[in-house]
């Protein structure tokens, strides 16, 4: 008995969401750029960031010293500065001009000047003065170097004061109290070791991810208009713009969610970033981060209807996002325009949730407003963008624009 032939499934005969997904998978595996942008390059960027901040806290930052006094006391100060964990006396200069040249050339982050007569003034009780010039254009390095110099000299000053008091007959305990009558107990919360891996890597990895999400989505949608294949895309979805958009984005959503899962696993399991709050909330926020930036990408393409302009707009929107997310510069201190721009970025809300639930261990209720804002991006923006995209798919005048 002859068996009936099995009819092969085709997208043309079964239009709909599944057909669009199949069509998009064919496009993805026929163009390597998609796989590179969705999977490989984000992971490479994460590895690069982890390597950059692998030491956690900057150590042995180079400084220069001009020792005009050249006495036992000044040489002791130089040794103490070099012994500080964050400092390294890389150069001993012979004059201020040479020290200035080192700072301007980037060979040193600071110049410490030990003036002539330093030891003499110390013995006479005239107030020995040490001057430091540090490069605060590099704010992170400059701040670390300045703090290291200040703490070292402050410790020496306190030691000398206590020694002087003991010589005048005070007990060691009284000398300590009188040298510092008011003691400030300062406790750093959430990142007590000033670890830049926690501070920057945990924020920069999601920043890189959002750039890849928005650029890939803009390209995947915009290239349909550029190549004139938008009607075929819509026909594959059975004429429904919503199925067309959903089916096209589904493979990219799955890919970026996998990358997001790997990112969080890398941050919290491998790099050992603190995880004191809700894992579920962080996972949900990661899903919303992907969907939010895909929604924004749809809106950009719908408004511009031009691939080149869409990619440029996406770059302008996503590339500087880190500066407005409130990590390096507080949002409360920004002008109104900066606050508005930061509020228009899903990344801002994601980092709030990541820090609240990761390092701070805040209650879930604290992160709910940020989660609601991300939901707003996912719900509201597609309602505005998808109908407009549906009209562009059938408007041949919009096709072929680069």
Foldseek 3Di string as FASTA:
>chain_A
DDDDDDDDDALLVPFALVLLLVVLVVVPVVDVVNVCLLAPVLVVVLVVLCVVQVVQDAFAAEAEEEEAAPDPVSVVLVVLLCPQGRHHHPYYDPDVVVRVVCCVVVVHFKYKYQHHCQVVCLVVVVDRDIDMDGDCVVVVSRVSSVVSSVVSVVVVVLVSQLVVVVVVPDDSVVSNCVSPVDDDDDADALCRVNGVCLQPSVLVSLLSLLLSLLLSLLCQLLVCQQVVVLLVLCVSNVNDLVSSSCSNCVVSLVSSLVVVVVSVCCVCPVVNFAFQADPVLLSLLSSLSSLLSSLVSLQLCLVPLASVSSNVVSCVLRVCLVVLLCRPPHVVPDPPVSVVSNLPHLSSLSVVSCCCRGRVHHYPVVSVVSVVSSVCSNPPSCVVRSVSSSVSSPDSVSGNHD
